Amino acid sequence: MLPASARLRKSSEISAVMKSGTRFSAKLVVLHVAQSSSEHTKVAFAVGKNVGNSVVRHKVTRQLRHAITPLIGSFPAGSHVVIRALPEANQASFSQLSENLKFALSKLAKS
């Protein structure tokens, strides 16, 4: 579980990150990253209906949350991050989602 200080909650903030943030894509996920004045890195998840029904969406969200928790320190301080799951994520295993997150994060590190 992500601590409360690491969660991006307001829909207006999430929309702003998705619109103005830099995108880093992988096969199963897209990271939207924007800098903020906050000192904490905050994360939100966007898992749409194109991924699957409610049960599948919640499963994918739980897997992504578990995979990103140890990686939060890898983001620049004060980052706002939205992790968007692509439709193929519904059939991916936890290890595949985790590897995709690490791949997208490596693209962030190179930029």
PDB file of N, CA and C in Angstrom:
ATOM      1  N   MET A   1       0.838  -1.184   0.000  1.00  0.00           N
ATOM      2  CA  MET A   1       0.000   0.000   0.000  1.00  0.00           C
ATOM      3  C   MET A   1       0.879   1.242   0.000  1.00  0.00           C
ATOM      4  N   LEU A   2       0.508   2.178  -0.810  1.00  0.00           N
ATOM      5  CA  LEU A   2       1.237   3.443  -0.859  1.00  0.00           C
ATOM      6  C   LEU A   2       0.867   4.296   0.345  1.00  0.00           C
ATOM      7  N   PRO A   3       1.848   4.948   0.961  1.00  0.00           N
ATOM      8  CA  PRO A   3       1.504   5.853   2.056  1.00  0.00           C
ATOM      9  C   PRO A   3       0.691   7.035   1.535  1.00  0.00           C
ATOM     10  N   ALA A   4      -0.085   7.650   2.409  1.00  0.00           N
ATOM     11  CA  ALA A   4      -0.960   8.756   2.005  1.00  0.00           C
ATOM     12  C   ALA A   4      -0.177   9.893   1.363  1.00  0.00           C
ATOM     13  N   SER A   5       1.042  10.123   1.821  1.00  0.00           N
ATOM     14  CA  SER A   5       1.847  11.218   1.268  1.00  0.00           C
ATOM     15  C   SER A   5       2.327  10.929  -0.152  1.00  0.00           C
ATOM     16  N   ALA A   6       2.200   9.687  -0.600  1.00  0.00           N
ATOM     17  CA  ALA A   6       2.677   9.306  -1.933  1.00  0.00           C
ATOM     18  C   ALA A   6       1.532   9.133  -2.929  1.00  0.00           C
ATOM     19  N   ARG A   7       0.317   9.535  -2.545  1.00  0.00           N
ATOM     20  CA  ARG A   7      -0.828   9.359  -3.431  1.00  0.00           C
ATOM     21  C   ARG A   7      -1.269  10.685  -4.024  1.00  0.00           C
ATOM     22  N   LEU A   8      -1.515  10.657  -5.300  1.00  0.00           N
ATOM     23  CA  LEU A   8      -2.067  11.797  -6.021  1.00  0.00           C
ATOM     24  C   LEU A   8      -3.567  11.565  -6.075  1.00  0.00           C
ATOM     25  N   ARG A   9      -4.365  12.445  -5.450  1.00  0.00           N
ATOM     26  CA  ARG A   9      -5.780  12.146  -5.268  1.00  0.00           C
ATOM     27  C   ARG A   9      -6.733  13.003  -6.092  1.00  0.00           C
ATOM     28  N   LYS A  10      -6.413  14.265  -6.279  1.00  0.00           N
ATOM     29  CA  LYS A  10      -7.355  15.165  -6.946  1.00  0.00           C
ATOM     30  C   LYS A  10      -7.382  14.908  -8.442  1.00  0.00           C
ATOM     31  N   SER A  11      -8.590  14.793  -8.982  1.00  0.00           N
ATOM     32  CA  SER A  11      -8.721  14.516 -10.410  1.00  0.00           C
ATOM     33  C   SER A  11      -8.153  15.657 -11.248  1.00  0.00           C
ATOM     34  N   SER A  12      -8.214  16.881 -10.737  1.00  0.00           N
ATOM     35  CA  SER A  12      -7.647  18.012 -11.482  1.00  0.00           C
ATOM     36  C   SER A  12      -6.134  17.885 -11.593  1.00  0.00           C
ATOM     37  N   GLU A  13      -5.479  17.413 -10.534  1.00  0.00           N
ATOM     38  CA  GLU A  13      -4.024  17.205 -10.578  1.00  0.00           C
ATOM     39  C   GLU A  13      -3.669  16.061 -11.516  1.00  0.00           C
ATOM     40  N   ILE A  14      -4.457  14.998 -11.478  1.00  0.00           N
ATOM     41  CA  ILE A  14      -4.203  13.846 -12.342  1.00  0.00           C
ATOM     42  C   ILE A  14      -4.358  14.256 -13.806  1.00  0.00           C
ATOM     43  N   SER A  15      -5.408  15.007 -14.110  1.00  0.00           N
ATOM     44  CA  SER A  15      -5.621  15.481 -15.484  1.00  0.00           C
ATOM     45  C   SER A  15      -4.488  16.377 -15.938  1.00  0.00           C
ATOM     46  N   ALA A  16      -4.026  17.254 -15.050  1.00  0.00           N
ATOM     47  CA  ALA A  16      -2.931  18.159 -15.398  1.00  0.00           C
ATOM     48  C   ALA A  16      -1.654  17.390 -15.706  1.00  0.00           C
ATOM     49  N   VAL A  17      -1.377  16.357 -14.930  1.00  0.00           N
ATOM     50  CA  VAL A  17      -0.177  15.543 -15.172  1.00  0.00           C
ATOM     51  C   VAL A  17      -0.297  14.823 -16.510  1.00  0.00           C
ATOM     52  N   MET A  18      -1.473  14.285 -16.804  1.00  0.00           N
ATOM     53  CA  MET A  18      -1.648  13.550 -18.054  1.00  0.00           C
ATOM     54  C   MET A  18      -1.577  14.475 -19.262  1.00  0.00           C
ATOM     55  N   LYS A  19      -2.011  15.718 -19.118  1.00  0.00           N
ATOM     56  CA  LYS A  19      -1.983  16.649 -20.240  1.00  0.00           C
ATOM     57  C   LYS A  19      -0.607  17.290 -20.430  1.00  0.00           C
ATOM     58  N   SER A  20       0.007  17.714 -19.343  1.00  0.00           N
ATOM     59  CA  SER A  20       1.240  18.487 -19.483  1.00  0.00           C
ATOM     60  C   SER A  20       2.504  17.699 -19.146  1.00  0.00           C
ATOM     61  N   GLY A  21       2.362  16.530 -18.558  1.00  0.00           N
ATOM     62  CA  GLY A  21       3.534  15.749 -18.181  1.00  0.00           C
ATOM     63  C   GLY A  21       4.200  15.089 -19.371  1.00  0.00           C
ATOM     64  N   THR A  22       5.433  14.695 -19.162  1.00  0.00           N
ATOM     65  CA  THR A  22       6.193  13.980 -20.188  1.00  0.00           C
ATOM     66  C   THR A  22       5.799  12.510 -20.148  1.00  0.00           C
ATOM     67  N   ARG A  23       5.618  11.911 -21.329  1.00  0.00           N
ATOM     68  CA  ARG A  23       5.198  10.510 -21.419  1.00  0.00           C
ATOM     69  C   ARG A  23       6.385   9.599 -21.686  1.00  0.00           C
ATOM     70  N   PHE A  24       6.358   8.459 -21.013  1.00  0.00           N
ATOM     71  CA  PHE A  24       7.353   7.418 -21.222  1.00  0.00           C
ATOM     72  C   PHE A  24       6.585   6.112 -21.384  1.00  0.00           C
ATOM     73  N   SER A  25       6.665   5.518 -22.582  1.00  0.00           N
ATOM     74  CA  SER A  25       5.832   4.359 -22.915  1.00  0.00           C
ATOM     75  C   SER A  25       6.584   3.046 -22.816  1.00  0.00           C
ATOM     76  N   ALA A  26       5.826   2.035 -22.520  1.00  0.00           N
ATOM     77  CA  ALA A  26       6.281   0.649 -22.598  1.00  0.00           C
ATOM     78  C   ALA A  26       5.124  -0.117 -23.254  1.00  0.00           C
ATOM     79  N   LYS A  27       5.265  -1.402 -23.368  1.00  0.00           N
ATOM     80  CA  LYS A  27       4.245  -2.198 -24.053  1.00  0.00           C
ATOM     81  C   LYS A  27       2.921  -2.234 -23.286  1.00  0.00           C
ATOM     82  N   LEU A  28       2.993  -2.260 -21.957  1.00  0.00           N
ATOM     83  CA  LEU A  28       1.796  -2.440 -21.141  1.00  0.00           C
ATOM     84  C   LEU A  28       1.364  -1.197 -20.369  1.00  0.00           C
ATOM     85  N   VAL A  29       2.272  -0.251 -20.184  1.00  0.00           N
ATOM     86  CA  VAL A  29       1.961   0.944 -19.385  1.00  0.00           C
ATOM     87  C   VAL A  29       2.562   2.193 -20.016  1.00  0.00           C
ATOM     88  N   VAL A  30       2.004   3.333 -19.620  1.00  0.00           N
ATOM     89  CA  VAL A  30       2.557   4.628 -19.998  1.00  0.00           C
ATOM     90  C   VAL A  30       2.717   5.427 -18.711  1.00  0.00           C
ATOM     91  N   LEU A  31       3.907   5.986 -18.503  1.00  0.00           N
ATOM     92  CA  LEU A  31       4.142   6.855 -17.359  1.00  0.00           C
ATOM     93  C   LEU A  31       3.986   8.296 -17.810  1.00  0.00           C
ATOM     94  N   HIS A  32       3.207   9.075 -17.089  1.00  0.00           N
ATOM     95  CA  HIS A  32       3.095  10.513 -17.301  1.00  0.00           C
ATOM     96  C   HIS A  32       3.765  11.144 -16.094  1.00  0.00           C
ATOM     97  N   VAL A  33       4.810  11.925 -16.312  1.00  0.00           N
ATOM     98  CA  VAL A  33       5.578  12.496 -15.207  1.00  0.00           C
ATOM     99  C   VAL A  33       5.646  14.005 -15.365  1.00  0.00           C
ATOM    100  N   ALA A  34       5.300  14.705 -14.285  1.00  0.00           N
ATOM    101  CA  ALA A  34       5.392  16.166 -14.263  1.00  0.00           C
ATOM    102  C   ALA A  34       6.053  16.577 -12.952  1.00  0.00           C
ATOM    103  N   GLN A  35       6.789  17.660 -12.982  1.00  0.00           N
ATOM    104  CA  GLN A  35       7.425  18.192 -11.784  1.00  0.00           C
ATOM    105  C   GLN A  35       6.458  19.118 -11.059  1.00  0.00           C
ATOM    106  N   SER A  36       6.550  19.138  -9.745  1.00  0.00           N
ATOM    107  CA  SER A  36       5.707  20.020  -8.950  1.00  0.00           C
ATOM    108  C   SER A  36       6.557  20.675  -7.870  1.00  0.00           C
ATOM    109  N   SER A  37       5.941  21.578  -7.147  1.00  0.00           N
ATOM    110  CA  SER A  37       6.654  22.259  -6.074  1.00  0.00           C
ATOM    111  C   SER A  37       6.690  21.431  -4.795  1.00  0.00           C
ATOM    112  N   SER A  38       5.958  20.342  -4.769  1.00  0.00           N
ATOM    113  CA  SER A  38       5.931  19.450  -3.605  1.00  0.00           C
ATOM    114  C   SER A  38       7.276  18.764  -3.446  1.00  0.00           C
ATOM    115  N   GLU A  39       7.608  18.404  -2.226  1.00  0.00           N
ATOM    116  CA  GLU A  39       8.877  17.695  -2.021  1.00  0.00           C
ATOM    117  C   GLU A  39       8.715  16.186  -2.089  1.00  0.00           C
ATOM    118  N   HIS A  40       7.456  15.703  -2.071  1.00  0.00           N
ATOM    119  CA  HIS A  40       7.194  14.268  -2.139  1.00  0.00           C
ATOM    120  C   HIS A  40       6.801  13.862  -3.552  1.00  0.00           C
ATOM    121  N   THR A  41       7.221  12.665  -3.937  1.00  0.00           N
ATOM    122  CA  THR A  41       6.758  12.081  -5.195  1.00  0.00           C
ATOM    123  C   THR A  41       5.379  11.507  -4.951  1.00  0.00           C
ATOM    124  N   LYS A  42       4.449  11.814  -5.848  1.00  0.00           N
ATOM    125  CA  LYS A  42       3.075  11.335  -5.698  1.00  0.00           C
ATOM    126  C   LYS A  42       2.678  10.552  -6.934  1.00  0.00           C
ATOM    127  N   VAL A  43       1.905   9.482  -6.722  1.00  0.00           N
ATOM    128  CA  VAL A  43       1.559   8.550  -7.790  1.00  0.00           C
ATOM    129  C   VAL A  43       0.045   8.353  -7.851  1.00  0.00           C
ATOM    130  N   ALA A  44      -0.471   8.223  -9.074  1.00  0.00           N
ATOM    131  CA  ALA A  44      -1.869   7.856  -9.304  1.00  0.00           C
ATOM    132  C   ALA A  44      -1.905   6.815 -10.420  1.00  0.00           C
ATOM    133  N   PHE A  45      -3.005   6.102 -10.508  1.00  0.00           N
ATOM    134  CA  PHE A  45      -3.165   5.055 -11.513  1.00  0.00           C
ATOM    135  C   PHE A  45      -4.392   5.348 -12.360  1.00  0.00           C
ATOM    136  N   ALA A  46      -4.271   5.113 -13.657  1.00  0.00           N
ATOM    137  CA  ALA A  46      -5.385   5.270 -14.589  1.00  0.00           C
ATOM    138  C   ALA A  46      -5.550   3.946 -15.330  1.00  0.00           C
ATOM    139  N   VAL A  47      -6.575   3.220 -14.944  1.00  0.00           N
ATOM    140  CA  VAL A  47      -6.853   1.919 -15.551  1.00  0.00           C
ATOM    141  C   VAL A  47      -8.286   1.995 -16.076  1.00  0.00           C
ATOM    142  N   GLY A  48      -8.408   2.209 -17.373  1.00  0.00           N
ATOM    143  CA  GLY A  48      -9.710   2.438 -17.983  1.00  0.00           C
ATOM    144  C   GLY A  48     -10.473   1.176 -18.316  1.00  0.00           C
ATOM    145  N   LYS A  49     -11.697   1.382 -18.775  1.00  0.00           N
ATOM    146  CA  LYS A  49     -12.573   0.258 -19.120  1.00  0.00           C
ATOM    147  C   LYS A  49     -12.052  -0.555 -20.290  1.00  0.00           C
ATOM    148  N   ASN A  50     -11.153   0.019 -21.084  1.00  0.00           N
ATOM    149  CA  ASN A  50     -10.587  -0.737 -22.201  1.00  0.00           C
ATOM    150  C   ASN A  50      -9.677  -1.863 -21.711  1.00  0.00           C
ATOM    151  N   VAL A  51      -9.277  -1.828 -20.441  1.00  0.00           N
ATOM    152  CA  VAL A  51      -8.446  -2.881 -19.868  1.00  0.00           C
ATOM    153  C   VAL A  51      -9.294  -4.105 -19.533  1.00  0.00           C
ATOM    154  N   GLY A  52     -10.513  -3.884 -19.111  1.00  0.00           N
ATOM    155  CA  GLY A  52     -11.378  -5.010 -18.779  1.00  0.00           C
ATOM    156  C   GLY A  52     -12.477  -4.587 -17.828  1.00  0.00           C
ATOM    157  N   ASN A  53     -13.175  -5.583 -17.274  1.00  0.00           N
ATOM    158  CA  ASN A  53     -14.252  -5.278 -16.336  1.00  0.00           C
ATOM    159  C   ASN A  53     -13.672  -4.846 -14.989  1.00  0.00           C
ATOM    160  N   SER A  54     -14.528  -4.562 -14.052  1.00  0.00           N
ATOM    161  CA  SER A  54     -14.110  -4.020 -12.756  1.00  0.00           C
ATOM    162  C   SER A  54     -13.108  -4.923 -12.032  1.00  0.00           C
ATOM    163  N   VAL A  55     -13.352  -6.207 -12.053  1.00  0.00           N
ATOM    164  CA  VAL A  55     -12.462  -7.145 -11.373  1.00  0.00           C
ATOM    165  C   VAL A  55     -11.063  -7.092 -11.981  1.00  0.00           C
ATOM    166  N   VAL A  56     -10.986  -7.085 -13.292  1.00  0.00           N
ATOM    167  CA  VAL A  56      -9.695  -7.056 -13.992  1.00  0.00           C
ATOM    168  C   VAL A  56      -8.992  -5.726 -13.740  1.00  0.00           C
ATOM    169  N   ARG A  57      -9.730  -4.618 -13.808  1.00  0.00           N
ATOM    170  CA  ARG A  57      -9.129  -3.297 -13.583  1.00  0.00           C
ATOM    171  C   ARG A  57      -8.545  -3.193 -12.180  1.00  0.00           C
ATOM    172  N   HIS A  58      -9.268  -3.677 -11.190  1.00  0.00           N
ATOM    173  CA  HIS A  58      -8.762  -3.621  -9.821  1.00  0.00           C
ATOM    174  C   HIS A  58      -7.551  -4.528  -9.632  1.00  0.00           C
ATOM    175  N   LYS A  59      -7.548  -5.673 -10.285  1.00  0.00           N
ATOM    176  CA  LYS A  59      -6.393  -6.571 -10.204  1.00  0.00           C
ATOM    177  C   LYS A  59      -5.157  -5.904 -10.798  1.00  0.00           C
ATOM    178  N   VAL A  60      -5.316  -5.274 -11.958  1.00  0.00           N
ATOM    179  CA  VAL A  60      -4.197  -4.587 -12.610  1.00  0.00           C
ATOM    180  C   VAL A  60      -3.722  -3.432 -11.736  1.00  0.00           C
ATOM    181  N   THR A  61      -4.644  -2.683 -11.149  1.00  0.00           N
ATOM    182  CA  THR A  61      -4.268  -1.569 -10.276  1.00  0.00           C
ATOM    183  C   THR A  61      -3.489  -2.065  -9.070  1.00  0.00           C
ATOM    184  N   ARG A  62      -3.931  -3.143  -8.442  1.00  0.00           N
ATOM    185  CA  ARG A  62      -3.214  -3.698  -7.292  1.00  0.00           C
ATOM    186  C   ARG A  62      -1.810  -4.145  -7.677  1.00  0.00           C
ATOM    187  N   GLN A  63      -1.691  -4.780  -8.836  1.00  0.00           N
ATOM    188  CA  GLN A  63      -0.373  -5.229  -9.287  1.00  0.00           C
ATOM    189  C   GLN A  63       0.546  -4.049  -9.563  1.00  0.00           C
ATOM    190  N   LEU A  64       0.013  -3.019 -10.212  1.00  0.00           N
ATOM    191  CA  LEU A  64       0.824  -1.832 -10.492  1.00  0.00           C
ATOM    192  C   LEU A  64       1.242  -1.136  -9.196  1.00  0.00           C
ATOM    193  N   ARG A  65       0.330  -1.024  -8.252  1.00  0.00           N
ATOM    194  CA  ARG A  65       0.640  -0.389  -6.967  1.00  0.00           C
ATOM    195  C   ARG A  65       1.756  -1.148  -6.258  1.00  0.00           C
ATOM    196  N   HIS A  66       1.671  -2.457  -6.269  1.00  0.00           N
ATOM    197  CA  HIS A  66       2.691  -3.276  -5.617  1.00  0.00           C
ATOM    198  C   HIS A  66       4.038  -3.152  -6.347  1.00  0.00           C
ATOM    199  N   ALA A  67       3.997  -3.053  -7.659  1.00  0.00           N
ATOM    200  CA  ALA A  67       5.234  -2.973  -8.445  1.00  0.00           C
ATOM    201  C   ALA A  67       5.912  -1.611  -8.316  1.00  0.00           C
ATOM    202  N   ILE A  68       5.135  -0.532  -8.154  1.00  0.00           N
ATOM    203  CA  ILE A  68       5.725   0.808  -8.128  1.00  0.00           C
ATOM    204  C   ILE A  68       6.226   1.190  -6.738  1.00  0.00           C
ATOM    205  N   THR A  69       5.710   0.589  -5.695  1.00  0.00           N
ATOM    206  CA  THR A  69       6.078   0.978  -4.332  1.00  0.00           C
ATOM    207  C   THR A  69       7.587   0.994  -4.096  1.00  0.00           C
ATOM    208  N   PRO A  70       8.345  -0.041  -4.460  1.00  0.00           N
ATOM    209  CA  PRO A  70       9.792   0.038  -4.221  1.00  0.00           C
ATOM    210  C   PRO A  70      10.527   0.975  -5.184  1.00  0.00           C
ATOM    211  N   LEU A  71       9.864   1.416  -6.251  1.00  0.00           N
ATOM    212  CA  LEU A  71      10.515   2.259  -7.260  1.00  0.00           C
ATOM    213  C   LEU A  71      10.267   3.750  -7.063  1.00  0.00           C
ATOM    214  N   ILE A  72       9.458   4.123  -6.086  1.00  0.00           N
ATOM    215  CA  ILE A  72       9.108   5.531  -5.909  1.00  0.00           C
ATOM    216  C   ILE A  72      10.347   6.392  -5.692  1.00  0.00           C
ATOM    217  N   GLY A  73      11.330   5.878  -4.996  1.00  0.00           N
ATOM    218  CA  GLY A  73      12.564   6.629  -4.756  1.00  0.00           C
ATOM    219  C   GLY A  73      13.371   6.892  -6.019  1.00  0.00           C
ATOM    220  N   SER A  74      13.065   6.202  -7.115  1.00  0.00           N
ATOM    221  CA  SER A  74      13.788   6.372  -8.377  1.00  0.00           C
ATOM    222  C   SER A  74      13.351   7.608  -9.148  1.00  0.00           C
ATOM    223  N   PHE A  75      12.201   8.161  -8.805  1.00  0.00           N
ATOM    224  CA  PHE A  75      11.707   9.352  -9.486  1.00  0.00           C
ATOM    225  C   PHE A  75      12.372  10.588  -8.895  1.00  0.00           C
ATOM    226  N   PRO A  76      12.534  11.637  -9.693  1.00  0.00           N
ATOM    227  CA  PRO A  76      13.059  12.891  -9.144  1.00  0.00           C
ATOM    228  C   PRO A  76      12.147  13.406  -8.021  1.00  0.00           C
ATOM    229  N   ALA A  77      12.720  14.031  -7.019  1.00  0.00           N
ATOM    230  CA  ALA A  77      11.945  14.536  -5.885  1.00  0.00           C
ATOM    231  C   ALA A  77      10.884  15.518  -6.384  1.00  0.00           C
ATOM    232  N   GLY A  78       9.700  15.400  -5.852  1.00  0.00           N
ATOM    233  CA  GLY A  78       8.615  16.299  -6.226  1.00  0.00           C
ATOM    234  C   GLY A  78       7.888  15.926  -7.499  1.00  0.00           C
ATOM    235  N   SER A  79       8.120  14.752  -8.019  1.00  0.00           N
ATOM    236  CA  SER A  79       7.443  14.330  -9.252  1.00  0.00           C
ATOM    237  C   SER A  79       6.000  13.951  -8.965  1.00  0.00           C
ATOM    238  N   HIS A  80       5.145  14.252  -9.905  1.00  0.00           N
ATOM    239  CA  HIS A  80       3.780  13.729  -9.905  1.00  0.00           C
ATOM    240  C   HIS A  80       3.727  12.735 -11.053  1.00  0.00           C
ATOM    241  N   VAL A  81       3.316  11.513 -10.757  1.00  0.00           N
ATOM    242  CA  VAL A  81       3.358  10.423 -11.720  1.00  0.00           C
ATOM    243  C   VAL A  81       1.969   9.816 -11.864  1.00  0.00           C
ATOM    244  N   VAL A  82       1.534   9.648 -13.107  1.00  0.00           N
ATOM    245  CA  VAL A  82       0.305   8.909 -13.380  1.00  0.00           C
ATOM    246  C   VAL A  82       0.706   7.704 -14.222  1.00  0.00           C
ATOM    247  N   ILE A  83       0.342   6.532 -13.747  1.00  0.00           N
ATOM    248  CA  ILE A  83       0.643   5.295 -14.451  1.00  0.00           C
ATOM    249  C   ILE A  83      -0.640   4.846 -15.139  1.00  0.00           C
ATOM    250  N   ARG A  84      -0.604   4.854 -16.464  1.00  0.00           N
ATOM    251  CA  ARG A  84      -1.780   4.485 -17.257  1.00  0.00           C
ATOM    252  C   ARG A  84      -1.573   3.091 -17.829  1.00  0.00           C
ATOM    253  N   ALA A  85      -2.504   2.196 -17.544  1.00  0.00           N
ATOM    254  CA  ALA A  85      -2.429   0.825 -18.048  1.00  0.00           C
ATOM    255  C   ALA A  85      -3.030   0.763 -19.447  1.00  0.00           C
ATOM    256  N   LEU A  86      -2.356   0.084 -20.340  1.00  0.00           N
ATOM    257  CA  LEU A  86      -2.851  -0.129 -21.694  1.00  0.00           C
ATOM    258  C   LEU A  86      -3.681  -1.423 -21.729  1.00  0.00           C
ATOM    259  N   PRO A  87      -4.524  -1.608 -22.737  1.00  0.00           N
ATOM    260  CA  PRO A  87      -5.419  -2.780 -22.766  1.00  0.00           C
ATOM    261  C   PRO A  87      -4.713  -4.130 -22.629  1.00  0.00           C
ATOM    262  N   GLU A  88      -3.490  -4.242 -23.124  1.00  0.00           N
ATOM    263  CA  GLU A  88      -2.774  -5.522 -23.047  1.00  0.00           C
ATOM    264  C   GLU A  88      -2.400  -5.894 -21.608  1.00  0.00           C
ATOM    265  N   ALA A  89      -2.491  -4.947 -20.687  1.00  0.00           N
ATOM    266  CA  ALA A  89      -2.122  -5.207 -19.290  1.00  0.00           C
ATOM    267  C   ALA A  89      -3.070  -6.200 -18.626  1.00  0.00           C
ATOM    268  N   ASN A  90      -4.254  -6.386 -19.193  1.00  0.00           N
ATOM    269  CA  ASN A  90      -5.227  -7.283 -18.560  1.00  0.00           C
ATOM    270  C   ASN A  90      -4.777  -8.741 -18.546  1.00  0.00           C
ATOM    271  N   GLN A  91      -3.929  -9.146 -19.451  1.00  0.00           N
ATOM    272  CA  GLN A  91      -3.485 -10.538 -19.497  1.00  0.00           C
ATOM    273  C   GLN A  91      -2.032 -10.702 -19.072  1.00  0.00           C
ATOM    274  N   ALA A  92      -1.430  -9.615 -18.600  1.00  0.00           N
ATOM    275  CA  ALA A  92      -0.019  -9.664 -18.221  1.00  0.00           C
ATOM    276  C   ALA A  92       0.139 -10.175 -16.788  1.00  0.00           C
ATOM    277  N   SER A  93       1.252 -10.833 -16.559  1.00  0.00           N
ATOM    278  CA  SER A  93       1.562 -11.281 -15.202  1.00  0.00           C
ATOM    279  C   SER A  93       2.171 -10.118 -14.421  1.00  0.00           C
ATOM    280  N   PHE A  94       2.296 -10.321 -13.124  1.00  0.00           N
ATOM    281  CA  PHE A  94       2.899  -9.289 -12.280  1.00  0.00           C
ATOM    282  C   PHE A  94       4.327  -8.985 -12.723  1.00  0.00           C
ATOM    283  N   SER A  95       5.092 -10.005 -13.043  1.00  0.00           N
ATOM    284  CA  SER A  95       6.488  -9.789 -13.441  1.00  0.00           C
ATOM    285  C   SER A  95       6.572  -9.006 -14.753  1.00  0.00           C
ATOM    286  N   GLN A  96       5.643  -9.256 -15.674  1.00  0.00           N
ATOM    287  CA  GLN A  96       5.640  -8.502 -16.927  1.00  0.00           C
ATOM    288  C   GLN A  96       5.305  -7.034 -16.677  1.00  0.00           C
ATOM    289  N   LEU A  97       4.312  -6.761 -15.828  1.00  0.00           N
ATOM    290  CA  LEU A  97       3.973  -5.378 -15.492  1.00  0.00           C
ATOM    291  C   LEU A  97       5.141  -4.688 -14.796  1.00  0.00           C
ATOM    292  N   SER A  98       5.774  -5.394 -13.898  1.00  0.00           N
ATOM    293  CA  SER A  98       6.918  -4.834 -13.172  1.00  0.00           C
ATOM    294  C   SER A  98       8.067  -4.496 -14.121  1.00  0.00           C
ATOM    295  N   GLU A  99       8.361  -5.393 -15.044  1.00  0.00           N
ATOM    296  CA  GLU A  99       9.425  -5.145 -16.020  1.00  0.00           C
ATOM    297  C   GLU A  99       9.080  -3.968 -16.926  1.00  0.00           C
ATOM    298  N   ASN A 100       7.827  -3.834 -17.316  1.00  0.00           N
ATOM    299  CA  ASN A 100       7.402  -2.707 -18.143  1.00  0.00           C
ATOM    300  C   ASN A 100       7.548  -1.395 -17.391  1.00  0.00           C
ATOM    301  N   LEU A 101       7.207  -1.388 -16.115  1.00  0.00           N
ATOM    302  CA  LEU A 101       7.396  -0.177 -15.312  1.00  0.00           C
ATOM    303  C   LEU A 101       8.871   0.196 -15.223  1.00  0.00           C
ATOM    304  N   LYS A 102       9.704  -0.799 -14.994  1.00  0.00           N
ATOM    305  CA  LYS A 102      11.151  -0.537 -14.903  1.00  0.00           C
ATOM    306  C   LYS A 102      11.698  -0.030 -16.236  1.00  0.00           C
ATOM    307  N   PHE A 103      11.185  -0.570 -17.350  1.00  0.00           N
ATOM    308  CA  PHE A 103      11.623  -0.123 -18.666  1.00  0.00           C
ATOM    309  C   PHE A 103      11.237   1.336 -18.904  1.00  0.00           C
ATOM    310  N   ALA A 104       9.988   1.677 -18.581  1.00  0.00           N
ATOM    311  CA  ALA A 104       9.538   3.069 -18.747  1.00  0.00           C
ATOM    312  C   ALA A 104      10.308   3.996 -17.817  1.00  0.00           C
ATOM    313  N   LEU A 105      10.617   3.526 -16.624  1.00  0.00           N
ATOM    314  CA  LEU A 105      11.399   4.316 -15.678  1.00  0.00           C
ATOM    315  C   LEU A 105      12.827   4.526 -16.172  1.00  0.00           C
ATOM    316  N   SER A 106      13.375   3.523 -16.852  1.00  0.00           N
ATOM    317  CA  SER A 106      14.724   3.684 -17.413  1.00  0.00           C
ATOM    318  C   SER A 106      14.741   4.746 -18.499  1.00  0.00           C
ATOM    319  N   LYS A 107      13.640   4.872 -19.252  1.00  0.00           N
ATOM    320  CA  LYS A 107      13.537   5.941 -20.257  1.00  0.00           C
ATOM    321  C   LYS A 107      13.527   7.307 -19.574  1.00  0.00           C
ATOM    322  N   LEU A 108      12.865   7.395 -18.440  1.00  0.00           N
ATOM    323  CA  LEU A 108      12.834   8.639 -17.667  1.00  0.00           C
ATOM    324  C   LEU A 108      14.240   9.016 -17.203  1.00  0.00           C
ATOM    325  N   ALA A 109      14.981   8.022 -16.750  1.00  0.00           N
ATOM    326  CA  ALA A 109      16.342   8.280 -16.249  1.00  0.00           C
ATOM    327  C   ALA A 109      17.257   8.784 -17.369  1.00  0.00           C
ATOM    328  N   LYS A 110      17.020   8.346 -18.611  1.00  0.00           N
ATOM    329  CA  LYS A 110      17.857   8.752 -19.727  1.00  0.00           C
ATOM    330  C   LYS A 110      17.547  10.159 -20.199  1.00  0.00           C
ATOM    331  N   SER A 111      16.351  10.645 -19.920  1.00  0.00           N
ATOM    332  CA  SER A 111      15.966  11.979 -20.415  1.00  0.00           C
ATOM    333  C   SER A 111      16.442  13.100 -19.523  1.00  0.00           C
TER     334      SER A 111
END
